[in-house]
N, C-alpha and C. Protein backbone atom coordinates (compact mmCIF):
# COMPACT_ATOMS: atom_id res chain seq x y z
N MET A 1 76.21 129.60 65.40
CA MET A 1 77.65 129.91 65.43
C MET A 1 78.51 129.27 64.52
N PHE A 2 79.30 130.47 64.08
CA PHE A 2 80.04 129.88 62.73
C PHE A 2 79.84 128.69 61.88
N GLU A 3 78.70 128.88 61.17
CA GLU A 3 77.66 128.20 60.09
C GLU A 3 79.10 128.16 58.53
N ASN A 4 79.28 129.26 58.90
CA ASN A 4 79.86 129.95 57.29
C ASN A 4 81.08 130.07 57.33
N SER A 5 81.62 129.44 58.29
CA SER A 5 83.61 130.30 58.24
C SER A 5 84.59 128.83 58.22
N ILE A 6 85.83 129.50 57.93
CA ILE A 6 86.77 128.54 57.72
C ILE A 6 87.61 129.08 58.74
N ALA A 7 88.37 127.82 59.69
CA ALA A 7 89.63 128.07 60.80
C ALA A 7 90.49 127.43 59.87
N MET A 8 91.60 128.43 60.43
CA MET A 8 93.17 127.86 60.35
C MET A 8 94.06 127.99 61.77
N ALA A 9 95.12 127.09 61.42
CA ALA A 9 96.16 126.92 62.41
C ALA A 9 96.93 128.47 62.02
N VAL A 10 97.35 128.71 63.21
CA VAL A 10 98.42 130.32 63.17
C VAL A 10 99.58 130.48 63.82
N LEU A 11 100.64 129.98 63.22
CA LEU A 11 101.73 129.55 63.55
C LEU A 11 102.65 131.25 63.43
N PRO A 12 103.99 131.70 64.84
CA PRO A 12 104.42 132.46 64.34
C PRO A 12 105.64 132.13 63.92
N ALA A 13 106.20 133.44 63.11
CA ALA A 13 108.16 133.42 62.78
C ALA A 13 108.57 134.72 63.23
N SER A 14 109.68 134.29 63.70
CA SER A 14 110.79 135.45 63.76
C SER A 14 111.15 135.92 62.42
N ASP A 15 111.21 134.77 61.15
CA ASP A 15 112.11 135.15 60.25
C ASP A 15 110.96 134.41 59.21
N LEU A 16 110.41 135.14 58.72
CA LEU A 16 109.26 134.21 58.02
C LEU A 16 109.69 133.68 56.44
N ASP A 17 111.29 134.17 56.26
CA ASP A 17 111.91 133.59 54.82
C ASP A 17 112.24 132.12 55.29
N ARG A 18 112.85 132.12 56.74
CA ARG A 18 113.52 131.26 56.61
C ARG A 18 112.13 129.99 56.94
N ALA A 19 110.93 130.44 57.80
CA ALA A 19 110.26 130.11 57.88
C ALA A 19 109.76 129.25 56.81
N ARG A 20 109.35 129.88 55.46
CA ARG A 20 108.64 129.56 54.60
C ARG A 20 109.71 128.77 53.50
N ARG A 21 111.39 128.94 53.88
CA ARG A 21 111.82 127.68 53.40
C ARG A 21 112.03 126.64 54.36
N PHE A 22 111.44 126.35 55.38
CA PHE A 22 111.35 125.29 56.20
C PHE A 22 110.00 124.95 55.42
N TRP A 23 108.73 125.12 55.40
CA TRP A 23 107.64 124.71 55.11
C TRP A 23 108.62 123.91 53.26
N HIS A 24 108.64 124.60 52.55
CA HIS A 24 109.28 123.96 51.26
C HIS A 24 109.91 122.62 51.55
N ASP A 25 111.41 123.15 52.34
CA ASP A 25 112.19 121.85 51.94
C ASP A 25 111.56 120.79 52.93
N THR A 26 110.97 120.74 54.49
CA THR A 26 110.24 120.07 54.89
C THR A 26 109.00 119.47 54.82
N PHE A 27 108.04 119.74 54.64
CA PHE A 27 107.09 119.72 54.16
C PHE A 27 106.57 119.29 52.57
N GLY A 28 107.28 120.12 52.16
CA GLY A 28 107.47 120.10 50.53
C GLY A 28 106.08 120.82 49.78
N VAL A 29 105.69 121.80 50.78
CA VAL A 29 104.69 122.41 50.44
C VAL A 29 105.20 124.08 50.11
N ASP A 30 104.67 125.18 49.28
CA ASP A 30 104.32 126.37 49.31
C ASP A 30 103.33 127.06 49.56
N PRO A 31 103.56 128.52 49.85
CA PRO A 31 102.52 129.39 50.10
C PRO A 31 101.10 129.17 49.02
N VAL A 32 100.36 129.25 50.19
CA VAL A 32 99.06 129.23 48.67
C VAL A 32 99.14 130.75 48.39
N SER A 33 98.61 131.26 49.25
CA SER A 33 99.28 132.94 49.45
C SER A 33 100.18 133.52 50.42
N SER A 34 100.35 134.64 49.98
CA SER A 34 101.49 135.36 50.51
C SER A 34 100.58 136.54 51.30
N ASP A 35 99.71 137.02 51.98
CA ASP A 35 99.06 138.49 52.21
C ASP A 35 98.69 138.27 53.67
N MET A 36 98.03 138.89 54.50
CA MET A 36 97.36 138.39 55.71
C MET A 36 98.65 138.78 56.68
N GLY A 37 99.53 139.30 56.12
CA GLY A 37 100.33 139.59 56.81
C GLY A 37 101.90 138.63 57.29
N GLY A 38 101.49 136.94 56.49
CA GLY A 38 102.24 136.17 56.17
C GLY A 38 101.86 135.31 54.86
N ASP A 39 102.37 134.23 55.36
CA ASP A 39 101.98 133.09 54.22
C ASP A 39 100.96 132.16 55.00
N ALA A 40 100.42 131.75 53.85
CA ALA A 40 99.31 130.57 53.99
C ALA A 40 99.47 129.22 53.07
N PHE A 41 100.13 128.15 54.17
CA PHE A 41 99.99 127.18 53.65
C PHE A 41 98.68 126.09 53.84
N LEU A 42 98.81 125.09 53.24
CA LEU A 42 97.61 124.07 53.18
C LEU A 42 98.42 122.55 53.26
N ILE A 43 98.21 122.32 54.44
CA ILE A 43 99.04 120.89 54.64
C ILE A 43 97.15 120.04 55.28
N GLY A 44 97.12 118.71 54.92
CA GLY A 44 95.99 117.29 55.58
C GLY A 44 94.63 118.24 55.06
N GLY A 45 94.50 119.41 54.53
CA GLY A 45 93.29 119.65 54.54
C GLY A 45 93.05 121.09 55.15
N ILE A 46 94.11 121.71 55.63
CA ILE A 46 94.05 122.86 56.89
C ILE A 46 94.75 123.83 56.19
N GLY A 47 94.58 124.77 56.20
CA GLY A 47 95.05 126.08 56.49
C GLY A 47 95.84 126.54 57.25
N VAL A 48 97.52 126.63 57.19
CA VAL A 48 97.93 127.54 58.45
C VAL A 48 98.62 128.77 57.99
N LEU A 49 98.68 129.88 58.68
CA LEU A 49 99.03 130.54 58.49
C LEU A 49 100.83 131.09 59.15
N VAL A 50 101.43 131.42 58.11
CA VAL A 50 103.12 131.42 59.48
C VAL A 50 102.92 132.95 59.24
N TYR A 51 103.11 133.34 60.05
CA TYR A 51 103.12 135.42 60.71
C TYR A 51 104.15 135.73 60.95
N GLU A 52 104.79 136.64 60.42
CA GLU A 52 106.05 137.24 61.52
C GLU A 52 105.82 138.28 62.59
N THR A 53 106.75 137.96 63.32
CA THR A 53 106.47 138.30 65.40
C THR A 53 107.86 138.06 66.07
N GLN A 54 107.79 139.20 66.67
CA GLN A 54 108.53 139.16 68.15
C GLN A 54 108.79 138.04 69.02
N PHE A 55 107.44 137.25 68.83
CA PHE A 55 107.17 136.76 70.11
C PHE A 55 107.01 134.62 69.82
N ALA A 56 107.56 134.64 68.40
CA ALA A 56 107.70 133.63 68.22
C ALA A 56 108.55 132.76 68.28
N GLY A 57 108.02 131.31 68.93
CA GLY A 57 108.78 130.63 70.05
C GLY A 57 108.95 130.85 71.07
N THR A 58 107.70 131.20 71.43
CA THR A 58 107.94 131.21 73.17
C THR A 58 106.75 130.55 73.37
N ASN A 59 106.47 129.64 72.79
CA ASN A 59 104.97 128.66 73.28
C ASN A 59 105.67 127.36 73.48
N LYS A 60 105.43 126.43 74.96
CA LYS A 60 106.38 125.74 74.82
C LYS A 60 105.11 124.37 74.79
N ALA A 61 103.97 124.92 73.98
CA ALA A 61 102.87 123.60 73.64
C ALA A 61 102.98 123.49 72.02
N THR A 62 102.06 122.81 71.93
CA THR A 62 102.19 121.98 70.97
C THR A 62 101.36 122.92 70.38
N ALA A 63 101.63 123.47 69.25
CA ALA A 63 101.30 124.39 68.26
C ALA A 63 100.38 123.99 67.45
N PHE A 64 100.57 122.79 66.41
CA PHE A 64 99.99 122.28 65.23
C PHE A 64 100.20 120.73 65.63
N SER A 65 99.36 120.28 64.85
CA SER A 65 99.14 118.87 64.79
C SER A 65 98.93 118.29 63.65
N ILE A 66 99.81 116.93 63.10
CA ILE A 66 99.24 116.58 61.89
C ILE A 66 98.69 114.78 61.71
N MET A 67 97.93 114.62 61.51
CA MET A 67 97.55 112.88 61.92
C MET A 67 97.58 112.63 60.27
N THR A 68 98.05 111.34 60.70
CA THR A 68 99.03 110.56 59.98
C THR A 68 98.91 109.21 59.85
N ASP A 69 98.92 108.11 58.68
CA ASP A 69 98.76 106.84 58.48
C ASP A 69 99.51 106.08 58.69
N ASP A 70 100.91 106.33 59.10
CA ASP A 70 102.03 105.98 59.16
C ASP A 70 103.59 106.43 59.90
N LEU A 71 103.13 107.09 61.05
CA LEU A 71 103.99 107.63 61.89
C LEU A 71 105.45 107.11 61.66
N ASP A 72 106.29 106.26 61.36
CA ASP A 72 107.53 105.67 61.53
C ASP A 72 107.82 105.88 60.25
N ARG A 73 107.05 106.00 58.90
CA ARG A 73 107.26 106.12 57.27
C ARG A 73 107.66 107.78 57.89
N ASP A 74 106.72 108.77 58.42
CA ASP A 74 106.81 110.17 58.40
C ASP A 74 108.09 110.61 58.90
N MET A 75 108.12 110.23 60.24
CA MET A 75 109.13 110.66 61.09
C MET A 75 110.89 110.14 60.48
N ALA A 76 110.73 108.85 59.74
CA ALA A 76 112.16 108.04 59.08
C ALA A 76 112.15 109.72 57.80
N ALA A 77 111.12 110.24 57.30
CA ALA A 77 110.99 111.04 55.76
C ALA A 77 111.90 112.55 56.87
N LEU A 78 111.06 112.83 57.42
CA LEU A 78 111.33 114.21 58.52
C LEU A 78 112.99 114.29 59.07
N ARG A 79 113.28 112.45 59.32
CA ARG A 79 114.64 112.93 60.19
C ARG A 79 115.47 113.03 58.80
N ASP A 80 115.35 112.39 57.59
CA ASP A 80 116.20 112.09 56.49
C ASP A 80 116.24 114.04 55.88
N LYS A 81 115.38 114.68 56.58
CA LYS A 81 115.50 116.46 56.33
C LYS A 81 115.85 116.72 57.28
N GLY A 82 116.53 116.49 58.13
CA GLY A 82 117.27 117.05 59.54
C GLY A 82 116.26 117.79 60.44
N VAL A 83 114.99 117.41 60.21
CA VAL A 83 114.61 117.41 61.98
C VAL A 83 114.27 116.27 62.85
N VAL A 84 114.32 116.98 64.29
CA VAL A 84 115.15 116.20 65.50
C VAL A 84 113.60 116.01 66.38
N PHE A 85 113.74 114.60 67.07
CA PHE A 85 111.79 114.63 67.64
C PHE A 85 112.23 114.61 68.87
N HIS A 86 111.75 115.30 69.49
CA HIS A 86 111.62 115.33 71.04
C HIS A 86 111.69 114.49 71.94
N ASP A 87 112.62 113.76 72.84
CA ASP A 87 112.07 113.09 73.97
C ASP A 87 111.95 113.59 75.58
N TYR A 88 110.78 112.91 75.67
CA TYR A 88 109.95 113.26 77.08
C TYR A 88 109.87 111.98 78.06
N ASP A 89 110.32 112.81 79.26
CA ASP A 89 109.69 111.49 79.78
C ASP A 89 108.64 112.48 81.64
N LEU A 90 107.87 112.73 81.29
CA LEU A 90 106.44 113.33 82.17
C LEU A 90 105.22 112.45 82.43
N PRO A 91 104.76 112.86 83.61
CA PRO A 91 103.97 111.84 84.15
C PRO A 91 102.67 111.59 82.90
N GLY A 92 102.85 110.48 82.00
CA GLY A 92 101.90 109.65 81.62
C GLY A 92 102.03 109.96 79.93
N ILE A 93 103.40 110.58 80.03
CA ILE A 93 103.78 110.69 78.44
C ILE A 93 105.74 110.59 78.56
N THR A 94 105.71 108.85 78.29
CA THR A 94 107.40 108.64 78.05
C THR A 94 107.82 108.52 76.49
N THR A 95 108.72 108.60 75.96
CA THR A 95 108.63 108.77 74.63
C THR A 95 110.08 107.63 74.37
N VAL A 96 110.65 107.00 73.98
CA VAL A 96 111.36 105.98 73.45
C VAL A 96 111.39 106.08 71.36
N ASP A 97 112.85 106.77 71.33
CA ASP A 97 113.35 107.30 70.37
C ASP A 97 112.44 108.71 69.90
N GLY A 98 111.91 108.94 70.82
CA GLY A 98 111.05 110.09 69.95
C GLY A 98 109.52 110.26 69.58
N VAL A 99 108.84 109.00 70.19
CA VAL A 99 107.56 108.08 69.93
C VAL A 99 107.25 107.52 71.51
N VAL A 100 106.11 108.32 71.59
CA VAL A 100 105.26 108.33 72.84
C VAL A 100 104.03 107.17 72.08
N ASP A 101 103.70 105.73 73.04
CA ASP A 101 102.56 104.99 72.97
C ASP A 101 101.38 104.92 73.89
N MET A 102 100.10 105.50 73.43
CA MET A 102 99.38 106.08 74.33
C MET A 102 97.65 105.27 74.22
N ASP A 103 97.35 105.58 74.61
CA ASP A 103 95.79 104.52 74.33
C ASP A 103 95.04 105.06 73.12
N GLY A 104 95.34 104.43 72.54
CA GLY A 104 94.85 104.85 70.82
C GLY A 104 95.01 105.53 69.98
N GLU A 105 96.98 106.15 70.11
CA GLU A 105 97.64 107.17 69.44
C GLU A 105 99.15 106.70 70.01
N ARG A 106 99.74 106.88 68.66
CA ARG A 106 101.42 106.96 69.24
C ARG A 106 101.75 108.43 68.28
N GLY A 107 102.33 108.70 68.90
CA GLY A 107 102.74 110.52 68.76
C GLY A 107 104.43 110.78 68.82
N ALA A 108 104.40 111.88 68.05
CA ALA A 108 106.01 112.53 68.30
C ALA A 108 106.26 113.55 68.28
N TRP A 109 106.88 114.81 68.73
CA TRP A 109 106.53 116.14 68.64
C TRP A 109 108.29 116.59 68.29
N PHE A 110 108.50 117.61 67.27
CA PHE A 110 109.43 118.12 66.75
C PHE A 110 109.34 119.66 66.61
N ASP A 111 110.63 120.44 66.39
CA ASP A 111 110.21 121.76 66.42
C ASP A 111 110.34 122.14 64.61
N ASP A 112 109.74 123.35 64.64
CA ASP A 112 109.45 123.87 62.95
C ASP A 112 110.75 125.17 63.34
N SER A 113 111.23 125.70 62.36
CA SER A 113 112.05 126.26 62.27
C SER A 113 112.35 127.61 63.57
N GLU A 114 111.18 127.90 63.71
CA GLU A 114 110.83 129.41 64.21
C GLU A 114 110.67 128.60 66.09
N GLY A 115 111.01 127.69 66.42
CA GLY A 115 110.37 126.86 67.85
C GLY A 115 109.21 126.88 68.53
N ASN A 116 108.02 126.60 66.81
CA ASN A 116 106.79 126.22 67.46
C ASN A 116 107.07 124.28 67.56
N ILE A 117 106.48 123.91 68.31
CA ILE A 117 106.17 122.45 68.50
C ILE A 117 105.19 121.78 67.72
N ILE A 118 105.62 121.13 66.81
CA ILE A 118 104.61 120.37 65.87
C ILE A 118 104.48 118.89 66.14
N ALA A 119 103.17 118.63 66.27
CA ALA A 119 103.14 116.96 66.54
C ALA A 119 102.67 116.29 65.87
N LEU A 120 102.97 114.81 65.33
CA LEU A 120 102.38 113.73 64.23
C LEU A 120 101.57 112.96 65.30
N ALA A 121 100.71 112.31 64.93
CA ALA A 121 99.96 111.38 65.74
C ALA A 121 99.17 110.09 64.91
N GLU A 122 99.53 109.72 65.01
CA GLU A 122 99.04 108.28 64.49
C GLU A 122 97.75 107.10 65.10
N PRO A 123 96.76 107.58 64.71
CA PRO A 123 95.70 106.60 65.65
C PRO A 123 95.79 105.32 65.50
N THR A 124 95.69 104.43 66.51
CA THR A 124 96.44 103.06 66.24
C THR A 124 94.71 102.17 66.51
N LYS A 125 93.80 102.68 67.14
CA LYS A 125 92.54 101.87 67.43
C LYS A 125 91.60 101.82 66.30
N ILE A 126 91.98 103.25 65.67
CA ILE A 126 90.63 103.38 64.29
C ILE A 126 91.57 103.46 63.07
N PRO A 127 91.27 103.14 61.86
CA PRO A 127 91.97 103.65 60.67
C PRO A 127 92.18 104.97 60.56
N ILE A 128 92.86 105.87 60.15
CA ILE A 128 93.12 107.34 59.05
C ILE A 128 91.90 107.57 58.27
N ASP A 129 91.24 106.70 57.39
CA ASP A 129 90.20 107.14 56.82
C ASP A 129 88.88 107.38 57.84
N GLU A 130 88.60 106.51 58.89
CA GLU A 130 87.60 106.54 59.64
C GLU A 130 87.79 107.81 60.66
N ALA A 131 89.34 108.23 60.87
CA ALA A 131 89.34 109.46 61.88
C ALA A 131 88.89 110.43 60.69
N ARG A 132 88.98 110.35 59.43
CA ARG A 132 89.06 111.61 58.38
C ARG A 132 87.43 111.92 58.20
N ARG A 133 86.80 110.35 58.47
CA ARG A 133 85.07 110.85 58.37
C ARG A 133 84.42 111.18 59.48
N MET A 134 85.64 111.73 60.79
CA MET A 134 85.24 111.36 62.10
C MET A 134 84.96 113.05 61.84
N PHE A 135 86.11 113.68 61.42
CA PHE A 135 86.74 115.18 61.56
C PHE A 135 85.87 115.92 59.92
N ALA A 136 85.20 114.74 59.47
CA ALA A 136 84.44 115.41 58.78
C ALA A 136 82.40 115.63 58.67
N GLU A 137 82.22 114.75 59.65
CA GLU A 137 81.16 114.37 60.01
C GLU A 137 80.92 116.03 61.02
N LEU A 138 82.27 116.28 61.83
CA LEU A 138 82.18 117.27 62.85
C LEU A 138 82.04 118.87 62.31
N ARG A 139 82.57 118.74 60.64
CA ARG A 139 82.14 119.58 60.45
C ARG A 139 80.67 120.59 59.62
N THR A 140 79.95 119.33 59.82
CA THR A 140 78.57 119.33 59.69
C THR A 140 77.49 119.74 60.16
């Protein structure tokens, strides 16, 4: 099953033009195509379809995650672009200045322009290249 398939994240937007500006201004990427009812972006080797719908911003859980080799660097760059990170005080997850230290990972969350929650994660027990290899092996 799915031997010849492609997976992508799908994120809703109530205003596709605003979402397109967010992706350009925040992540520095432009759509690789604008069909299928929305804009398709490529980030970290993963396709992300951002499509217009009235239901945007209703999910209260992480919708998309980006793994990075330097959480502090990327958070600083995103803050420079106006991104505000969430602070949580939940069972098992307490952030300090937007960052949680978990066993094997540091993480942070923020909203995109449409209210979708995006996570940043930095592995702390393995190098990013090893994590990349692990994901690549999952595809074979």
